[in-house]
Amino acid sequence: MKRSSLVLALCAVALSGPAADRPPLAPFEIAAVPASGHPIDVRLEAGLKKRGIHPAYLCSDAVFIRRAYLDVIGTLPEPQDVRRFLSDTSPDKRTALIETLFSRPEFADYWAMKWCDLLRVKAEFPINLWPNAVQAYHRWLVGAMRDNMPYDGFARELLTTSGSNFRQPQVNFYRAVQGREPTALAGAVALTFMGTRLDAWPEERRQGMAAFFSRLDFKKTAEWKEEIVLCDATPAGPLRATFPDGKSVVIPPEKDPREVFADWLITPKNPWFAKCAVNRAWAWLLGRGLIHEPDDIRPDNPPVHPEVLAYLEKELVASGYDMRHVLRLILTSRAYQQSPIPRGEPAEAEKYFACYPVRRLDAEILADALSWLSGVGEEYSSPIPEPFTFTPAWERTIALADGSISSPFLELFGRPPRDTGLFSERNNEPSDGQRLYLFNSSDVQRKLARSQRLSRWVEPARGNRREAARQLYLGILSRFPTDAELAAVERHAQSGGNPRQVYEDLVWALVNSKEFLYRH
């Protein structure tokens, strides 16, 4: 039996089609439980009931630990962590796991990566931040994620800081905008902190907001590539500007207009700020926003569950803009912990969050997962010369600071170029090229075949095929195989080949499975 036949055999025993009255499907689901009483679930399930949509069953513990690790820290769990979690009988173990993940160093790296995409953190064309400014900017973002900086303070620092792009990394927010005219700067602010696209506004509204950024100045220094970002103090007269809600303001010459705008933006009653933040957090955890796209908030693009969105907005403000509090609310909800298998029409279930949306792993997560399994890191390259962009192969891709540092794998699998700050820049749609690469790459196969990590998982089995298969399933898919899957492996083994070849074929089949390549 060829390797491709093993892939088909394993896929054949995986998932069944949706049906509202079917029993839970092991090992992916557990039986439904009574209404959770979680504030998100109360609101979401009321909306589903009005539409006659059945929510999915809860996901199993094995699915949950893998999902939480990938969604919270962008990393696969170690087999011993999966074993410990599966054997834990405490009722609050999922909540405890979430708290543990928040304290992991990968949390700060992974969420800084997400912000680097939005803030266009890259050294070279068309975003010329320069390598040392990129490194400083990235360190600041990682620190903000690690320390759980309040979101209003995070936004205010990015909007109002002045100083050197090397020594005050927050000023790179403005330097990462492709144009330096006030409308371009205002467009970046609106996209990042209001989730709206300024080019769709009437000209008068655009100019009214642009006025807040019309006195921003960029001054060169004697140091190579250093630039000072500051408010130009030379204008003597007052400045008239208009907030996006239509209210006009006259700003005295001694006042930085950016501070006036920031004061308006981060007030609790602002109709954009908190809404954009929680909608983006929802999209990062569940694949799409309650308002879709997360950066296209407008009156004629309503949320699918307005009550859920309003609740999360209020919670963000009441918590003192604690984004980790919002993430915790989403992660502990039944809405997040649903099975990926819908109990109705799939497109409708995903649109209204009646199941967990299945989607391909981000390029960075997939690259790191393959490096973790094989023990061989990614080989990075950059148009920028060393030492600014030297990155050792063992560096995790989710921790890369500079969008200019890349690899053929990252580009093939849709890592965003960080040119526009749009959510849609990341392309997680599978392609024929990706499938062919994973199926036929001798480099990937060679790395996996020589992996010491995989060998350590199999060695304790001492020739016991079933036990070896269990170890590989646990390490690669974070769950134990079903009897049907073990039978498929046994049939493959009996078709010929030495034990090592059988294990290599199984690893190759699992790595090429949808269950490994996708969040589920």
Protein backbone atom coordinates (compact mmCIF):
# COMPACT_ATOMS: atom_id res chain seq x y z
CA MET A 1 0.00 0.00 0.00
CA LYS A 2 1.39 3.39 -0.97
CA ARG A 3 1.66 6.33 1.39
CA SER A 4 -1.22 8.12 -0.33
CA SER A 5 -3.41 5.09 0.32
CA LEU A 6 -2.68 5.38 4.03
CA VAL A 7 -3.76 9.04 3.96
CA LEU A 8 -7.06 8.05 2.31
CA ALA A 9 -7.60 5.21 4.76
CA LEU A 10 -7.10 7.49 7.77
CA CYS A 11 -9.32 10.20 6.31
CA ALA A 12 -12.08 7.65 5.73
CA VAL A 13 -12.41 7.03 9.47
CA ALA A 14 -12.32 10.69 10.54
CA LEU A 15 -15.41 12.90 10.27
CA SER A 16 -19.02 12.27 9.31
CA GLY A 17 -21.47 14.68 7.74
CA PRO A 18 -23.60 17.12 9.77
CA ALA A 19 -26.99 16.18 11.16
CA ALA A 20 -29.00 17.91 13.89
CA ASP A 21 -30.09 14.66 15.57
CA ARG A 22 -26.88 12.62 15.33
CA PRO A 23 -24.97 11.49 18.45
CA PRO A 24 -21.60 13.06 19.34
CA LEU A 25 -18.72 11.86 17.19
CA ALA A 26 -15.77 10.46 19.13
CA PRO A 27 -12.97 11.41 19.54
CA PHE A 28 -13.84 14.95 18.46
CA GLU A 29 -16.97 15.70 20.47
CA ILE A 30 -18.65 15.07 23.80
CA ALA A 31 -22.36 15.10 24.54
CA ALA A 32 -24.11 18.44 24.79
CA VAL A 33 -24.61 19.83 28.28
CA PRO A 34 -27.38 22.10 29.63
CA ALA A 35 -27.15 25.81 28.83
CA SER A 36 -23.92 27.12 30.30
CA GLY A 37 -25.21 30.42 31.66
CA HIS A 38 -22.07 32.09 30.31
CA PRO A 39 -23.03 35.66 29.28
CA ILE A 40 -21.73 35.13 25.75
CA ASP A 41 -23.60 31.85 25.34
CA VAL A 42 -26.90 33.20 26.66
CA ARG A 43 -26.84 35.92 24.01
CA LEU A 44 -25.47 33.83 21.17
CA GLU A 45 -27.78 30.86 21.72
CA ALA A 46 -30.80 33.17 21.79
CA GLY A 47 -29.78 34.42 18.36
CA LEU A 48 -29.32 30.86 17.07
CA LYS A 49 -32.72 29.83 18.41
CA LYS A 50 -34.43 32.68 16.55
CA ARG A 51 -32.86 31.42 13.33
CA GLY A 52 -33.63 27.77 14.02
CA ILE A 53 -29.93 26.83 14.07
CA HIS A 54 -28.69 23.96 16.26
CA PRO A 55 -25.39 24.68 18.04
CA ALA A 56 -22.68 22.04 17.75
CA TYR A 57 -21.80 19.68 20.54
CA LEU A 58 -18.91 20.57 22.81
CA CYS A 59 -15.47 19.62 21.57
CA SER A 60 -13.59 16.85 23.36
CA ASP A 61 -10.76 17.57 25.77
CA ALA A 62 -8.22 16.40 23.18
CA VAL A 63 -9.58 18.83 20.60
CA PHE A 64 -9.76 21.63 23.16
CA ILE A 65 -6.15 21.45 24.34
CA ARG A 66 -4.81 21.50 20.80
CA ARG A 67 -7.17 24.32 19.82
CA ALA A 68 -6.33 26.43 22.88
CA TYR A 69 -2.59 26.02 22.41
CA LEU A 70 -2.80 27.02 18.75
CA ASP A 71 -5.21 29.93 19.26
CA VAL A 72 -3.60 31.36 22.40
CA ILE A 73 0.14 30.75 21.94
CA GLY A 74 0.45 29.58 18.32
CA THR A 75 2.23 26.41 19.41
CA LEU A 76 1.42 22.68 19.57
CA PRO A 77 1.21 21.07 23.02
CA GLU A 78 3.84 18.60 24.20
CA PRO A 79 2.59 15.00 24.49
CA GLN A 80 3.12 14.95 28.27
CA ASP A 81 0.96 18.09 28.58
CA VAL A 82 -1.81 16.41 26.59
CA ARG A 83 -1.62 13.29 28.77
CA ARG A 84 -1.78 15.36 31.93
CA PHE A 85 -4.76 17.35 30.67
CA LEU A 86 -6.69 14.29 29.47
CA SER A 87 -6.20 12.52 32.78
CA ASP A 88 -7.25 15.56 34.83
CA THR A 89 -10.77 15.10 36.20
CA SER A 90 -11.26 18.58 37.69
CA PRO A 91 -14.30 20.41 36.27
CA ASP A 92 -12.45 23.70 35.77
CA LYS A 93 -9.42 22.29 33.97
CA ARG A 94 -10.17 24.12 30.71
CA THR A 95 -10.26 27.47 32.48
CA ALA A 96 -7.06 26.60 34.35
CA LEU A 97 -5.35 25.70 31.07
CA ILE A 98 -6.27 29.08 29.58
CA GLU A 99 -4.70 30.89 32.54
CA THR A 100 -1.55 28.80 32.17
CA LEU A 101 -1.29 29.70 28.49
CA PHE A 102 -1.60 33.42 29.27
CA SER A 103 1.55 33.18 31.37
CA ARG A 104 3.62 31.36 28.73
CA PRO A 105 6.32 33.38 26.91
CA GLU A 106 4.87 32.27 23.58
CA PHE A 107 1.70 34.23 24.37
CA ALA A 108 3.51 37.57 24.13
CA ASP A 109 5.38 36.50 20.97
CA TYR A 110 2.26 35.23 19.22
CA TRP A 111 0.02 38.21 19.97
CA ALA A 112 2.83 40.63 19.17
CA MET A 113 3.03 38.88 15.78
CA LYS A 114 -0.65 39.60 15.22
CA TRP A 115 -0.12 43.27 16.02
CA CYS A 116 2.98 43.40 13.84
CA ASP A 117 0.78 42.38 10.92
CA LEU A 118 -1.70 45.19 11.61
CA LEU A 119 0.99 47.79 12.33
CA ARG A 120 3.01 46.91 9.20
CA VAL A 121 6.21 46.08 11.08
CA LYS A 122 8.83 45.50 8.40
CA ALA A 123 12.15 47.08 7.55
CA GLU A 124 12.05 47.42 3.80
CA PHE A 125 9.91 48.62 0.88
CA PRO A 126 7.20 49.75 0.89
CA ILE A 127 7.36 50.18 4.70
CA ASN A 128 10.79 51.64 5.43
CA LEU A 129 11.05 51.36 9.19
CA TRP A 130 14.69 50.21 8.99
CA PRO A 131 15.97 47.11 10.80
CA ASN A 132 17.02 48.59 14.15
CA ALA A 133 13.73 50.51 14.45
CA VAL A 134 11.85 47.28 13.70
CA GLN A 135 13.66 45.45 16.47
CA ALA A 136 12.89 48.22 18.98
CA TYR A 137 9.24 48.37 17.88
CA HIS A 138 8.86 44.60 18.17
CA ARG A 139 10.41 44.53 21.66
CA TRP A 140 7.93 47.19 22.78
CA LEU A 141 4.99 45.21 21.37
CA VAL A 142 6.15 41.98 23.01
CA GLY A 143 6.47 43.82 26.32
CA ALA A 144 2.99 45.30 25.96
CA MET A 145 1.50 41.84 25.35
CA ARG A 146 3.51 40.23 28.17
CA ASP A 147 2.56 42.92 30.69
CA ASN A 148 -1.07 43.07 29.55
CA MET A 149 -0.87 46.82 28.95
CA PRO A 150 -4.38 48.32 29.10
CA TYR A 151 -5.64 48.73 25.56
CA ASP A 152 -6.51 52.41 25.92
CA GLY A 153 -2.96 53.14 27.11
CA PHE A 154 -1.55 51.00 24.29
CA ALA A 155 -3.46 53.02 21.69
CA ARG A 156 -2.66 56.34 23.31
CA GLU A 157 1.09 55.66 23.33
CA LEU A 158 1.07 54.72 19.66
CA LEU A 159 -0.95 57.80 18.72
CA THR A 160 0.75 60.51 20.82
CA THR A 161 4.40 59.54 21.45
CA SER A 162 7.12 61.80 20.01
CA GLY A 163 10.83 61.15 19.65
CA SER A 164 13.42 59.05 17.83
CA ASN A 165 12.29 56.04 15.84
CA PHE A 166 15.19 54.12 17.44
CA ARG A 167 14.63 55.23 21.04
CA GLN A 168 10.86 55.75 21.20
CA PRO A 169 9.64 52.74 19.25
CA GLN A 170 5.96 53.77 19.43
CA VAL A 171 6.58 56.57 16.92
CA ASN A 172 7.08 53.92 14.26
CA PHE A 173 3.30 53.66 14.12
CA TYR A 174 3.33 56.75 11.89
CA ARG A 175 6.55 55.88 10.08
CA ALA A 176 5.00 52.57 8.96
CA VAL A 177 2.37 54.40 6.91
CA GLN A 178 3.24 54.42 3.21
CA GLY A 179 2.23 58.07 2.76
CA ARG A 180 2.95 60.93 5.14
CA GLU A 181 0.17 63.23 4.06
CA PRO A 182 -2.48 63.78 6.77
CA THR A 183 -5.16 61.72 5.01
CA ALA A 184 -2.84 58.69 4.81
CA LEU A 185 -1.96 58.99 8.52
CA ALA A 186 -5.63 59.40 9.44
CA GLY A 187 -6.48 56.36 7.31
CA ALA A 188 -4.01 54.22 9.25
CA VAL A 189 -5.43 55.42 12.57
CA ALA A 190 -9.01 54.71 11.48
CA LEU A 191 -8.12 51.25 10.20
CA THR A 192 -6.13 50.25 13.27
CA PHE A 193 -8.21 51.65 16.12
CA MET A 194 -11.67 52.15 14.65
CA GLY A 195 -11.83 49.17 12.26
CA THR A 196 -13.06 51.37 9.45
CA ARG A 197 -11.75 52.31 6.02
CA LEU A 198 -11.33 56.02 5.56
CA ASP A 199 -11.42 55.86 1.76
CA ALA A 200 -15.13 55.00 1.96
CA TRP A 201 -15.92 58.23 3.84
CA PRO A 202 -17.13 61.44 2.18
CA GLU A 203 -14.33 63.88 1.42
CA GLU A 204 -15.42 66.38 4.09
CA ARG A 205 -15.31 63.72 6.84
CA ARG A 206 -11.88 62.52 5.67
CA GLN A 207 -10.42 66.00 5.74
CA GLY A 208 -11.96 66.74 9.12
CA MET A 209 -10.21 63.75 10.68
CA ALA A 210 -6.99 64.30 8.72
CA ALA A 211 -6.63 67.72 10.34
CA PHE A 212 -5.70 66.04 13.64
CA PHE A 213 -2.54 64.72 11.95
CA SER A 214 -1.72 67.73 9.80
CA ARG A 215 0.96 69.04 12.17
CA LEU A 216 2.93 65.82 12.44
CA ASP A 217 6.54 66.34 11.40
CA PHE A 218 9.42 63.98 10.57
CA LYS A 219 12.95 65.35 11.11
CA LYS A 220 16.23 63.71 10.11
CA THR A 221 19.21 63.53 12.45
CA ALA A 222 22.92 62.97 11.95
CA GLU A 223 22.53 59.29 12.81
CA TRP A 224 21.98 56.93 9.87
CA LYS A 225 18.26 56.34 9.24
CA GLU A 226 17.22 57.98 12.51
CA GLU A 227 14.15 60.20 12.36
CA ILE A 228 12.39 62.29 14.99
CA VAL A 229 8.60 62.19 14.91
CA LEU A 230 6.95 65.14 16.63
CA CYS A 231 4.24 67.75 16.50
CA ASP A 232 5.33 70.79 14.48
CA ALA A 233 5.21 73.73 16.87
CA THR A 234 5.70 76.44 14.24
CA PRO A 235 2.05 77.13 13.30
CA ALA A 236 0.86 80.08 15.38
CA GLY A 237 -2.86 79.90 14.78
CA PRO A 238 -5.52 77.54 16.13
CA LEU A 239 -6.43 74.39 14.20
CA ARG A 240 -10.00 73.42 13.32
CA ALA A 241 -10.67 69.68 13.08
CA THR A 242 -13.73 67.42 13.06
CA PHE A 243 -14.08 64.16 14.96
CA PRO A 244 -15.49 61.16 13.07
CA ASP A 245 -18.79 61.55 14.96
CA GLY A 246 -19.25 64.98 13.33
CA LYS A 247 -18.34 67.15 16.31
CA SER A 248 -15.92 70.00 15.50
CA VAL A 249 -13.15 71.26 17.74
CA VAL A 250 -10.73 74.20 17.69
CA ILE A 251 -7.28 73.19 18.93
CA PRO A 252 -4.96 75.91 20.30
CA PRO A 253 -1.47 76.08 18.77
CA GLU A 254 0.30 74.91 21.94
CA LYS A 255 -1.73 71.67 22.02
CA ASP A 256 -0.73 68.53 20.10
CA PRO A 257 -3.79 67.67 17.94
CA ARG A 258 -2.95 63.96 18.25
CA GLU A 259 -3.61 64.17 21.99
CA VAL A 260 -7.00 65.76 21.39
CA PHE A 261 -7.94 62.96 19.02
CA ALA A 262 -6.64 60.25 21.39
CA ASP A 263 -8.67 61.74 24.26
CA TRP A 264 -11.80 61.48 22.10
CA LEU A 265 -10.95 57.99 20.81
CA ILE A 266 -10.44 56.19 24.12
CA THR A 267 -13.47 57.54 25.97
CA PRO A 268 -15.89 54.77 27.09
CA LYS A 269 -18.73 56.14 24.96
CA ASN A 270 -16.73 56.15 21.73
CA PRO A 271 -18.75 54.15 19.18
CA TRP A 272 -15.71 52.68 17.41
CA PHE A 273 -12.80 52.03 19.76
CA ALA A 274 -14.00 49.22 22.06
CA LYS A 275 -16.16 47.71 19.31
CA CYS A 276 -13.18 47.41 16.97
CA ALA A 277 -10.97 45.89 19.68
CA VAL A 278 -13.34 43.15 20.83
CA ASN A 279 -14.50 42.34 17.32
CA ARG A 280 -10.87 41.86 16.27
CA ALA A 281 -10.19 39.66 19.31
CA TRP A 282 -13.19 37.51 18.37
CA ALA A 283 -11.91 37.22 14.81
CA TRP A 284 -8.43 36.24 15.95
CA LEU A 285 -9.87 33.40 18.05
CA LEU A 286 -12.74 32.28 15.82
CA GLY A 287 -11.58 33.05 12.30
CA ARG A 288 -14.00 35.86 11.50
CA GLY A 289 -15.46 38.78 13.40
CA LEU A 290 -18.95 39.26 14.70
CA ILE A 291 -18.66 42.06 12.14
CA HIS A 292 -16.97 40.67 9.06
CA GLU A 293 -14.39 41.86 7.97
CA PRO A 294 -12.93 43.11 11.29
CA ASP A 295 -11.56 46.23 9.59
CA ASP A 296 -14.73 47.08 7.67
CA ILE A 297 -17.01 48.39 10.41
CA ARG A 298 -19.77 50.55 8.92
CA PRO A 299 -23.52 51.10 9.46
CA ASP A 300 -24.53 48.83 6.56
CA ASN A 301 -22.32 45.93 7.78
CA PRO A 302 -24.06 44.86 11.01
CA PRO A 303 -22.82 42.20 13.46
CA VAL A 304 -24.38 38.73 13.24
CA HIS A 305 -24.90 38.75 17.03
CA PRO A 306 -25.19 42.42 18.10
CA GLU A 307 -25.96 41.51 21.72
CA VAL A 308 -22.72 39.53 22.03
CA LEU A 309 -20.70 42.39 20.56
CA ALA A 310 -22.34 44.97 22.85
CA TYR A 311 -21.66 42.78 25.89
CA LEU A 312 -17.97 42.41 25.04
CA GLU A 313 -17.65 46.16 24.45
CA LYS A 314 -19.05 46.88 27.91
CA GLU A 315 -16.81 44.28 29.50
CA LEU A 316 -13.69 45.76 27.89
CA VAL A 317 -14.51 49.23 29.21
CA ALA A 318 -15.56 48.00 32.67
CA SER A 319 -12.37 45.98 33.05
CA GLY A 320 -10.17 49.01 32.46
CA TYR A 321 -9.49 47.99 28.85
CA ASP A 322 -8.04 44.64 29.88
CA MET A 323 -7.83 42.73 26.59
CA ARG A 324 -6.84 39.54 28.38
CA HIS A 325 -10.19 39.73 30.21
CA VAL A 326 -11.98 39.78 26.85
CA LEU A 327 -9.92 36.85 25.56
CA ARG A 328 -10.72 34.93 28.75
CA LEU A 329 -14.45 35.55 28.30
CA ILE A 330 -14.37 34.25 24.73
CA LEU A 331 -12.13 31.26 25.47
CA THR A 332 -14.24 30.07 28.41
CA SER A 333 -17.51 30.30 26.50
CA ARG A 334 -19.30 27.34 25.03
CA ALA A 335 -19.35 29.30 21.77
CA TYR A 336 -15.57 28.93 21.55
CA GLN A 337 -15.51 25.37 22.92
CA GLN A 338 -17.94 23.97 20.35
CA SER A 339 -17.10 21.09 18.09
CA PRO A 340 -15.97 21.95 14.56
CA ILE A 341 -18.64 19.60 13.18
CA PRO A 342 -21.89 21.53 12.50
CA ARG A 343 -25.31 20.09 13.23
CA GLY A 344 -26.83 21.85 10.28
CA GLU A 345 -25.90 23.60 7.05
CA PRO A 346 -22.11 24.26 7.37
CA ALA A 347 -21.94 27.74 5.83
CA GLU A 348 -24.80 29.02 7.96
CA ALA A 349 -23.37 27.38 11.11
CA GLU A 350 -19.99 29.04 10.59
CA LYS A 351 -21.50 32.44 9.78
CA TYR A 352 -23.52 32.48 13.01
CA PHE A 353 -20.90 30.69 15.15
CA ALA A 354 -22.96 27.55 15.69
CA CYS A 355 -19.72 25.56 15.45
CA TYR A 356 -16.00 26.25 15.66
CA PRO A 357 -14.85 27.37 12.18
CA VAL A 358 -12.28 25.00 10.66
CA ARG A 359 -9.43 26.89 9.02
CA ARG A 360 -5.89 26.22 7.89
CA LEU A 361 -3.02 26.93 10.26
CA ASP A 362 -1.25 30.25 9.81
CA ALA A 363 1.95 29.97 7.81
CA GLU A 364 4.08 30.79 10.87
CA ILE A 365 2.35 28.22 13.09
CA LEU A 366 2.66 25.50 10.45
CA ALA A 367 6.34 26.28 9.88
CA ASP A 368 7.01 26.12 13.62
CA ALA A 369 5.02 22.90 13.98
CA LEU A 370 7.04 21.16 11.27
CA SER A 371 10.27 22.48 12.78
CA TRP A 372 9.20 21.21 16.21
CA LEU A 373 8.40 17.75 14.86
CA SER A 374 11.54 17.44 12.77
CA GLY A 375 13.99 19.21 15.08
CA VAL A 376 15.21 21.26 12.09
CA GLY A 377 14.45 24.97 12.04
CA GLU A 378 13.27 27.16 9.18
CA GLU A 379 15.92 28.76 6.95
CA TYR A 380 15.21 32.49 6.74
CA SER A 381 16.35 35.06 4.22
CA SER A 382 16.06 38.81 3.82
CA PRO A 383 17.04 41.49 1.29
CA ILE A 384 18.56 43.40 4.23
CA PRO A 385 22.19 42.52 5.02
CA GLU A 386 23.35 41.13 8.34
CA PRO A 387 23.80 41.76 11.22
CA PHE A 388 20.41 43.50 11.36
CA THR A 389 18.43 40.56 10.02
CA PHE A 390 20.41 37.48 11.01
CA THR A 391 17.97 34.98 12.43
CA PRO A 392 19.15 31.57 13.65
CA ALA A 393 17.25 28.58 12.27
CA TRP A 394 16.06 27.63 15.76
CA GLU A 395 14.17 30.94 16.16
CA ARG A 396 10.43 30.34 16.12
CA THR A 397 8.69 31.98 13.21
CA ILE A 398 6.00 33.47 15.48
CA ALA A 399 8.80 35.41 17.22
CA LEU A 400 10.19 37.06 14.06
CA ALA A 401 10.20 40.82 14.41
CA ASP A 402 10.66 41.88 10.82
CA GLY A 403 8.19 41.19 8.02
CA SER A 404 11.10 41.52 5.59
CA ILE A 405 12.61 38.32 7.01
CA SER A 406 10.88 35.43 5.30
CA SER A 407 11.28 32.04 3.66
CA PRO A 408 9.82 30.30 0.59
CA PHE A 409 7.62 28.23 2.91
CA LEU A 410 6.13 31.29 4.62
CA GLU A 411 5.41 32.95 1.30
CA LEU A 412 3.84 29.78 -0.15
CA PHE A 413 1.52 29.42 2.83
CA GLY A 414 0.22 32.98 2.85
CA ARG A 415 2.13 34.94 5.46
CA PRO A 416 0.99 38.58 5.07
CA PRO A 417 3.46 41.00 3.46
CA ARG A 418 2.55 43.68 6.05
CA ASP A 419 2.04 46.37 3.44
CA THR A 420 -1.48 47.61 4.20
CA GLY A 421 -2.47 46.60 7.74
CA LEU A 422 -5.64 44.95 6.41
CA PHE A 423 -6.88 41.80 8.12
CA SER A 424 -7.33 40.21 4.70
CA GLU A 425 -3.62 40.45 3.86
CA ARG A 426 -3.13 37.06 5.49
CA ASN A 427 -4.12 34.32 3.06
CA ASN A 428 -5.04 31.06 4.79
CA GLU A 429 -6.82 29.58 1.80
CA PRO A 430 -5.33 26.20 0.82
CA SER A 431 -3.86 25.91 -2.65
CA ASP A 432 -2.77 23.13 -4.98
CA GLY A 433 0.81 24.36 -4.65
CA GLN A 434 0.70 23.90 -0.88
CA ARG A 435 -0.75 20.40 -1.17
CA LEU A 436 1.82 19.37 -3.76
CA TYR A 437 4.64 20.75 -1.64
CA LEU A 438 3.65 18.82 1.48
CA PHE A 439 2.90 15.63 -0.46
CA ASN A 440 6.07 15.67 -2.55
CA SER A 441 8.69 17.66 -0.65
CA SER A 442 11.72 15.43 -0.19
CA ASP A 443 13.07 18.05 2.21
CA VAL A 444 10.09 17.72 4.56
CA GLN A 445 10.12 13.92 4.30
CA ARG A 446 13.87 13.77 4.99
CA LYS A 447 13.59 16.04 8.04
CA LEU A 448 10.75 13.98 9.50
CA ALA A 449 12.52 10.68 8.78
CA ARG A 450 15.62 11.86 10.66
CA SER A 451 13.75 13.47 13.55
CA GLN A 452 15.13 12.54 16.95
CA ARG A 453 11.92 13.78 18.58
CA LEU A 454 9.79 11.32 16.60
CA SER A 455 12.27 8.54 17.33
CA ARG A 456 12.03 9.25 21.06
CA TRP A 457 8.25 8.94 20.88
CA VAL A 458 8.42 5.56 19.13
CA GLU A 459 11.37 3.93 20.94
CA PRO A 460 9.55 3.07 24.21
CA ALA A 461 7.03 0.99 22.22
CA ARG A 462 9.85 -1.51 21.44
CA GLY A 463 8.27 -2.90 18.30
CA ASN A 464 4.66 -2.72 19.52
CA ARG A 465 2.98 -1.20 16.46
CA ARG A 466 -0.20 -0.20 18.20
CA GLU A 467 1.65 1.56 21.01
CA ALA A 468 4.01 3.29 18.55
CA ALA A 469 0.99 4.51 16.57
CA ARG A 470 -0.60 5.80 19.77
CA GLN A 471 2.52 7.79 20.60
CA LEU A 472 2.71 9.32 17.13
CA TYR A 473 -0.97 10.27 17.14
CA LEU A 474 -0.58 11.83 20.58
CA GLY A 475 2.47 13.86 19.53
CA ILE A 476 1.26 14.97 16.11
CA LEU A 477 -2.53 15.30 16.55
CA SER A 478 -2.69 15.70 20.36
CA ARG A 479 -5.06 12.74 20.74
CA PHE A 480 -5.01 8.95 20.78
CA PRO A 481 -6.07 7.04 17.66
CA THR A 482 -9.42 5.27 17.35
CA ASP A 483 -9.66 1.51 16.86
CA ALA A 484 -10.52 2.10 13.19
CA GLU A 485 -7.38 4.20 12.72
CA LEU A 486 -5.22 1.60 14.43
CA ALA A 487 -6.71 -1.01 12.12
CA ALA A 488 -5.82 1.12 9.08
CA VAL A 489 -2.23 1.37 10.30
CA GLU A 490 -2.13 -2.41 10.84
CA ARG A 491 -3.37 -3.07 7.31
CA HIS A 492 -0.70 -0.76 5.96
CA ALA A 493 1.99 -2.57 7.97
CA GLN A 494 0.88 -5.94 6.65
CA SER A 495 1.14 -4.75 3.06
CA GLY A 496 4.94 -4.79 3.32
CA GLY A 497 7.81 -2.67 4.52
CA ASN A 498 10.04 -2.69 7.58
CA PRO A 499 8.79 -1.25 10.91
CA ARG A 500 10.72 1.99 10.51
CA GLN A 501 9.19 2.57 7.09
CA VAL A 502 5.73 1.96 8.52
CA TYR A 503 6.32 4.61 11.18
CA GLU A 504 7.69 7.07 8.64
CA ASP A 505 4.66 6.49 6.42
CA LEU A 506 2.34 7.10 9.37
CA VAL A 507 4.11 10.35 10.28
CA TRP A 508 3.92 11.51 6.68
CA ALA A 509 0.22 10.61 6.48
CA LEU A 510 -0.64 12.42 9.71
CA VAL A 511 1.30 15.55 8.75
CA ASN A 512 -0.60 15.64 5.45
CA SER A 513 -3.96 15.16 7.14
CA LYS A 514 -6.47 17.98 7.42
CA GLU A 515 -6.56 17.37 11.15
CA PHE A 516 -2.90 18.42 11.45
CA LEU A 517 -2.93 21.23 8.90
CA TYR A 518 -6.08 22.93 10.20
CA ARG A 519 -7.42 24.48 13.38
CA HIS A 520 -10.46 22.51 14.43
